[in-house]
Amino acid sequence: MKHIYLLIDPINKIVRYVGATSNPKSRLNQHVKDASKPKKKGRTKKQEWILSLQKKGMIPEMKIICSEESKEKAREIEEQTVLKYIDTIFNIHMPGKGSLSINHFKKTGKTK
């Protein structure tokens, strides 16, 4: 079972990340843990955001928006959700598109 989720800023309620996981609690913990690890190449915007919340004693809110048995259907819903929140999220890649970046989509409007 894949769960499509949003990471939401607890201060302003803005959606900052869209993802899919089979274990929501573990995945949220992983996001939080990854943000506080030292990085050789620097942190992503998502990691910087989570770290800034941690400094205020907070973590992102995780909201499960749907659950799907089919991995293909879950990937489709995840991509649609990324497109819905494209202007506020810190995702780097389009779901299921390998190295296709969100920035590429923003520039070209193409998901392929």
N, C-alpha and C. Protein backbone atom coordinates (compact mmCIF):
# COMPACT_ATOMS: atom_id res chain seq x y z
N MET A 1 0.85 -1.18 0.00
CA MET A 1 0.00 0.00 0.00
C MET A 1 0.89 1.24 0.00
N LYS A 2 0.65 2.11 -0.94
CA LYS A 2 1.37 3.39 -1.00
C LYS A 2 0.45 4.50 -0.52
N HIS A 3 1.01 5.34 0.35
CA HIS A 3 0.28 6.48 0.88
C HIS A 3 0.87 7.75 0.27
N ILE A 4 0.04 8.56 -0.36
CA ILE A 4 0.47 9.84 -0.90
C ILE A 4 0.30 10.86 0.23
N TYR A 5 1.36 11.64 0.46
CA TYR A 5 1.31 12.56 1.60
C TYR A 5 1.82 13.95 1.24
N LEU A 6 1.44 14.88 2.08
CA LEU A 6 1.91 16.26 1.99
C LEU A 6 2.69 16.56 3.26
N LEU A 7 3.78 17.32 3.13
CA LEU A 7 4.42 17.92 4.30
C LEU A 7 4.01 19.38 4.29
N ILE A 8 3.41 19.79 5.39
CA ILE A 8 2.80 21.12 5.49
C ILE A 8 3.52 21.93 6.57
N ASP A 9 3.74 23.19 6.26
CA ASP A 9 4.36 24.08 7.23
C ASP A 9 3.38 24.32 8.37
N PRO A 10 3.77 24.00 9.62
CA PRO A 10 2.84 24.17 10.74
C PRO A 10 2.57 25.64 11.10
N ILE A 11 3.39 26.54 10.59
CA ILE A 11 3.21 27.96 10.89
C ILE A 11 2.19 28.61 9.96
N ASN A 12 2.39 28.42 8.64
CA ASN A 12 1.51 29.11 7.68
C ASN A 12 0.61 28.17 6.87
N LYS A 13 0.72 26.86 7.15
CA LYS A 13 -0.12 25.82 6.52
C LYS A 13 0.11 25.68 5.02
N ILE A 14 1.25 26.11 4.52
CA ILE A 14 1.60 25.97 3.10
C ILE A 14 2.18 24.58 2.86
N VAL A 15 1.75 23.94 1.77
CA VAL A 15 2.28 22.63 1.39
C VAL A 15 3.69 22.84 0.85
N ARG A 16 4.66 22.11 1.44
CA ARG A 16 6.06 22.28 1.06
C ARG A 16 6.67 21.05 0.40
N TYR A 17 5.98 19.90 0.46
CA TYR A 17 6.54 18.69 -0.13
C TYR A 17 5.42 17.70 -0.39
N VAL A 18 5.54 16.96 -1.48
CA VAL A 18 4.61 15.89 -1.84
C VAL A 18 5.42 14.61 -1.98
N GLY A 19 4.93 13.53 -1.39
CA GLY A 19 5.65 12.27 -1.48
C GLY A 19 4.74 11.07 -1.40
N ALA A 20 5.35 9.89 -1.54
CA ALA A 20 4.64 8.62 -1.42
C ALA A 20 5.49 7.68 -0.58
N THR A 21 4.84 6.91 0.26
CA THR A 21 5.55 5.99 1.14
C THR A 21 4.64 4.84 1.55
N SER A 22 5.26 3.75 1.96
CA SER A 22 4.48 2.64 2.51
C SER A 22 4.45 2.71 4.04
N ASN A 23 5.28 3.59 4.62
CA ASN A 23 5.33 3.73 6.07
C ASN A 23 5.42 5.21 6.45
N PRO A 24 4.28 5.88 6.59
CA PRO A 24 4.26 7.33 6.83
C PRO A 24 5.06 7.79 8.06
N LYS A 25 4.91 7.11 9.18
CA LYS A 25 5.60 7.54 10.39
C LYS A 25 7.12 7.47 10.21
N SER A 26 7.59 6.38 9.64
CA SER A 26 9.02 6.22 9.40
C SER A 26 9.54 7.26 8.40
N ARG A 27 8.74 7.54 7.38
CA ARG A 27 9.16 8.50 6.35
C ARG A 27 9.25 9.91 6.92
N LEU A 28 8.30 10.30 7.75
CA LEU A 28 8.37 11.62 8.38
C LEU A 28 9.62 11.72 9.25
N ASN A 29 9.87 10.67 10.03
CA ASN A 29 11.08 10.67 10.86
C ASN A 29 12.34 10.77 10.02
N GLN A 30 12.34 10.12 8.86
CA GLN A 30 13.50 10.18 7.96
C GLN A 30 13.71 11.60 7.43
N HIS A 31 12.62 12.27 7.03
CA HIS A 31 12.74 13.66 6.56
C HIS A 31 13.37 14.53 7.64
N VAL A 32 12.88 14.39 8.87
CA VAL A 32 13.36 15.21 9.98
C VAL A 32 14.83 14.89 10.29
N LYS A 33 15.16 13.63 10.35
CA LYS A 33 16.54 13.21 10.64
C LYS A 33 17.51 13.67 9.55
N ASP A 34 17.10 13.52 8.28
CA ASP A 34 17.97 13.93 7.16
C ASP A 34 18.27 15.43 7.18
N ALA A 35 17.33 16.22 7.63
CA ALA A 35 17.53 17.68 7.63
C ALA A 35 18.62 18.11 8.60
N SER A 36 18.79 17.36 9.67
CA SER A 36 19.76 17.78 10.68
C SER A 36 21.16 17.18 10.49
N LYS A 37 21.32 16.30 9.51
CA LYS A 37 22.64 15.73 9.23
C LYS A 37 23.51 16.75 8.51
N PRO A 38 24.80 16.82 8.85
CA PRO A 38 25.71 17.70 8.10
C PRO A 38 25.79 17.25 6.64
N LYS A 39 25.87 18.20 5.72
CA LYS A 39 25.89 17.90 4.29
C LYS A 39 27.17 18.43 3.66
N LYS A 40 27.81 17.61 2.84
CA LYS A 40 29.02 18.04 2.13
C LYS A 40 28.68 19.05 1.04
N LYS A 41 27.57 18.82 0.35
CA LYS A 41 27.18 19.68 -0.77
C LYS A 41 26.15 20.74 -0.37
N GLY A 42 25.87 20.85 0.90
CA GLY A 42 24.85 21.79 1.35
C GLY A 42 23.49 21.12 1.41
N ARG A 43 22.56 21.78 2.03
CA ARG A 43 21.22 21.23 2.20
C ARG A 43 20.29 21.67 1.07
N THR A 44 19.27 20.85 0.84
CA THR A 44 18.23 21.22 -0.11
C THR A 44 17.32 22.24 0.55
N LYS A 45 16.46 22.87 -0.23
CA LYS A 45 15.50 23.82 0.33
C LYS A 45 14.58 23.13 1.34
N LYS A 46 14.19 21.90 1.03
CA LYS A 46 13.34 21.15 1.96
C LYS A 46 14.07 20.92 3.28
N GLN A 47 15.32 20.52 3.22
CA GLN A 47 16.10 20.30 4.44
C GLN A 47 16.29 21.59 5.23
N GLU A 48 16.56 22.68 4.54
CA GLU A 48 16.70 23.98 5.22
C GLU A 48 15.41 24.37 5.92
N TRP A 49 14.29 24.14 5.25
CA TRP A 49 12.98 24.46 5.82
C TRP A 49 12.73 23.62 7.08
N ILE A 50 12.96 22.31 7.00
CA ILE A 50 12.73 21.44 8.15
C ILE A 50 13.67 21.82 9.30
N LEU A 51 14.92 22.13 8.98
CA LEU A 51 15.87 22.54 10.00
C LEU A 51 15.41 23.83 10.69
N SER A 52 14.87 24.77 9.91
CA SER A 52 14.38 26.02 10.50
C SER A 52 13.20 25.75 11.43
N LEU A 53 12.36 24.78 11.09
CA LEU A 53 11.26 24.41 11.99
C LEU A 53 11.80 23.77 13.26
N GLN A 54 12.80 22.89 13.10
CA GLN A 54 13.37 22.22 14.27
C GLN A 54 13.95 23.23 15.26
N LYS A 55 14.55 24.28 14.74
CA LYS A 55 15.12 25.31 15.62
C LYS A 55 14.04 26.03 16.42
N LYS A 56 12.79 25.95 15.95
CA LYS A 56 11.66 26.55 16.65
C LYS A 56 10.90 25.50 17.46
N GLY A 57 11.47 24.29 17.52
CA GLY A 57 10.82 23.22 18.27
C GLY A 57 9.66 22.57 17.55
N MET A 58 9.63 22.67 16.22
CA MET A 58 8.53 22.12 15.43
C MET A 58 9.07 21.18 14.35
N ILE A 59 8.17 20.41 13.78
CA ILE A 59 8.46 19.60 12.59
C ILE A 59 7.29 19.78 11.62
N PRO A 60 7.47 19.38 10.36
CA PRO A 60 6.36 19.50 9.41
C PRO A 60 5.16 18.66 9.84
N GLU A 61 3.99 19.10 9.43
CA GLU A 61 2.79 18.29 9.60
C GLU A 61 2.70 17.37 8.38
N MET A 62 2.42 16.10 8.60
CA MET A 62 2.23 15.16 7.49
C MET A 62 0.74 14.88 7.37
N LYS A 63 0.25 15.04 6.15
CA LYS A 63 -1.16 14.75 5.88
C LYS A 63 -1.23 13.69 4.78
N ILE A 64 -1.82 12.55 5.09
CA ILE A 64 -2.03 11.51 4.08
C ILE A 64 -3.26 11.91 3.27
N ILE A 65 -3.08 12.05 1.95
CA ILE A 65 -4.23 12.48 1.14
C ILE A 65 -4.94 11.31 0.46
N CYS A 66 -4.23 10.18 0.29
CA CYS A 66 -4.87 8.98 -0.23
C CYS A 66 -3.94 7.79 -0.07
N SER A 67 -4.51 6.61 -0.18
CA SER A 67 -3.75 5.37 -0.10
C SER A 67 -4.16 4.49 -1.27
N GLU A 68 -3.18 3.90 -1.93
CA GLU A 68 -3.44 3.10 -3.14
C GLU A 68 -2.70 1.78 -3.08
N GLU A 69 -3.36 0.73 -3.49
CA GLU A 69 -2.72 -0.58 -3.62
C GLU A 69 -1.79 -0.61 -4.84
N SER A 70 -2.23 0.01 -5.92
CA SER A 70 -1.48 0.01 -7.17
C SER A 70 -0.35 1.05 -7.13
N LYS A 71 0.88 0.59 -7.34
CA LYS A 71 2.02 1.52 -7.37
C LYS A 71 1.88 2.51 -8.52
N GLU A 72 1.36 2.03 -9.65
CA GLU A 72 1.18 2.90 -10.82
C GLU A 72 0.16 4.01 -10.54
N LYS A 73 -0.95 3.64 -9.92
CA LYS A 73 -1.98 4.63 -9.58
C LYS A 73 -1.45 5.62 -8.54
N ALA A 74 -0.69 5.10 -7.58
CA ALA A 74 -0.10 5.97 -6.56
C ALA A 74 0.84 6.98 -7.20
N ARG A 75 1.67 6.53 -8.14
CA ARG A 75 2.62 7.41 -8.83
C ARG A 75 1.87 8.48 -9.62
N GLU A 76 0.78 8.09 -10.26
CA GLU A 76 -0.04 9.03 -11.03
C GLU A 76 -0.64 10.11 -10.12
N ILE A 77 -1.17 9.70 -8.99
CA ILE A 77 -1.75 10.65 -8.04
C ILE A 77 -0.67 11.55 -7.45
N GLU A 78 0.48 10.97 -7.15
CA GLU A 78 1.59 11.78 -6.63
C GLU A 78 1.99 12.85 -7.64
N GLU A 79 2.11 12.48 -8.91
CA GLU A 79 2.47 13.46 -9.94
C GLU A 79 1.41 14.55 -10.06
N GLN A 80 0.15 14.19 -10.07
CA GLN A 80 -0.93 15.17 -10.14
C GLN A 80 -0.88 16.13 -8.95
N THR A 81 -0.55 15.59 -7.79
CA THR A 81 -0.48 16.40 -6.58
C THR A 81 0.72 17.34 -6.63
N VAL A 82 1.85 16.85 -7.14
CA VAL A 82 3.02 17.73 -7.34
C VAL A 82 2.64 18.89 -8.24
N LEU A 83 1.95 18.62 -9.32
CA LEU A 83 1.55 19.69 -10.25
C LEU A 83 0.59 20.67 -9.58
N LYS A 84 -0.27 20.17 -8.71
CA LYS A 84 -1.22 21.04 -8.01
C LYS A 84 -0.49 22.03 -7.10
N TYR A 85 0.59 21.57 -6.46
CA TYR A 85 1.29 22.41 -5.49
C TYR A 85 2.65 22.90 -6.00
N ILE A 86 2.85 22.87 -7.29
CA ILE A 86 4.16 23.14 -7.89
C ILE A 86 4.76 24.48 -7.46
N ASP A 87 3.94 25.46 -7.18
CA ASP A 87 4.45 26.80 -6.84
C ASP A 87 4.92 26.94 -5.40
N THR A 88 4.60 25.96 -4.54
CA THR A 88 4.98 26.10 -3.13
C THR A 88 5.88 24.98 -2.61
N ILE A 89 6.05 23.91 -3.38
CA ILE A 89 6.79 22.76 -2.86
C ILE A 89 8.30 22.85 -3.12
N PHE A 90 9.03 22.10 -2.31
CA PHE A 90 10.48 22.02 -2.42
C PHE A 90 10.94 20.73 -3.09
N ASN A 91 10.03 19.94 -3.67
CA ASN A 91 10.44 18.73 -4.39
C ASN A 91 11.44 19.11 -5.47
N ILE A 92 12.37 18.19 -5.73
CA ILE A 92 13.40 18.43 -6.74
C ILE A 92 13.04 17.74 -8.06
N HIS A 93 12.51 16.51 -7.99
CA HIS A 93 12.23 15.72 -9.19
C HIS A 93 10.74 15.43 -9.33
N MET A 94 10.32 15.24 -10.57
CA MET A 94 8.95 14.82 -10.84
C MET A 94 8.84 13.34 -10.46
N PRO A 95 7.75 12.93 -9.83
CA PRO A 95 7.58 11.52 -9.46
C PRO A 95 7.62 10.60 -10.67
N GLY A 96 8.41 9.55 -10.57
CA GLY A 96 8.46 8.54 -11.63
C GLY A 96 9.11 8.98 -12.91
N LYS A 97 9.76 10.13 -12.92
CA LYS A 97 10.36 10.65 -14.16
C LYS A 97 11.88 10.63 -14.10
N GLY A 98 12.44 9.87 -13.17
CA GLY A 98 13.90 9.78 -13.08
C GLY A 98 14.52 11.12 -12.75
N SER A 99 15.36 11.60 -13.63
CA SER A 99 16.09 12.84 -13.35
C SER A 99 15.36 14.10 -13.82
N LEU A 100 14.15 13.96 -14.33
CA LEU A 100 13.40 15.15 -14.77
C LEU A 100 13.10 16.03 -13.57
N SER A 101 13.59 17.25 -13.62
CA SER A 101 13.44 18.12 -12.46
C SER A 101 12.16 18.94 -12.50
N ILE A 102 11.78 19.38 -11.32
CA ILE A 102 10.64 20.30 -11.19
C ILE A 102 10.94 21.59 -11.95
N ASN A 103 12.19 22.05 -11.88
CA ASN A 103 12.57 23.27 -12.59
C ASN A 103 12.37 23.12 -14.09
N HIS A 104 12.68 21.94 -14.64
CA HIS A 104 12.45 21.68 -16.07
C HIS A 104 10.96 21.86 -16.39
N PHE A 105 10.11 21.28 -15.53
CA PHE A 105 8.67 21.42 -15.76
C PHE A 105 8.25 22.88 -15.69
N LYS A 106 8.75 23.60 -14.70
CA LYS A 106 8.37 25.01 -14.56
C LYS A 106 8.78 25.82 -15.78
N LYS A 107 9.93 25.48 -16.38
CA LYS A 107 10.41 26.22 -17.55
C LYS A 107 9.69 25.82 -18.83
N THR A 108 9.38 24.50 -18.97
CA THR A 108 8.86 24.01 -20.25
C THR A 108 7.40 23.63 -20.21
N GLY A 109 6.88 23.36 -19.01
CA GLY A 109 5.52 22.87 -18.90
C GLY A 109 5.36 21.42 -19.30
N LYS A 110 6.49 20.71 -19.49
CA LYS A 110 6.46 19.31 -19.94
C LYS A 110 6.89 18.39 -18.81
N THR A 111 6.15 17.29 -18.67
CA THR A 111 6.49 16.29 -17.65
C THR A 111 7.27 15.13 -18.26
N LYS A 112 7.64 15.24 -19.51
CA LYS A 112 8.42 14.18 -20.18
C LYS A 112 9.62 14.76 -20.87
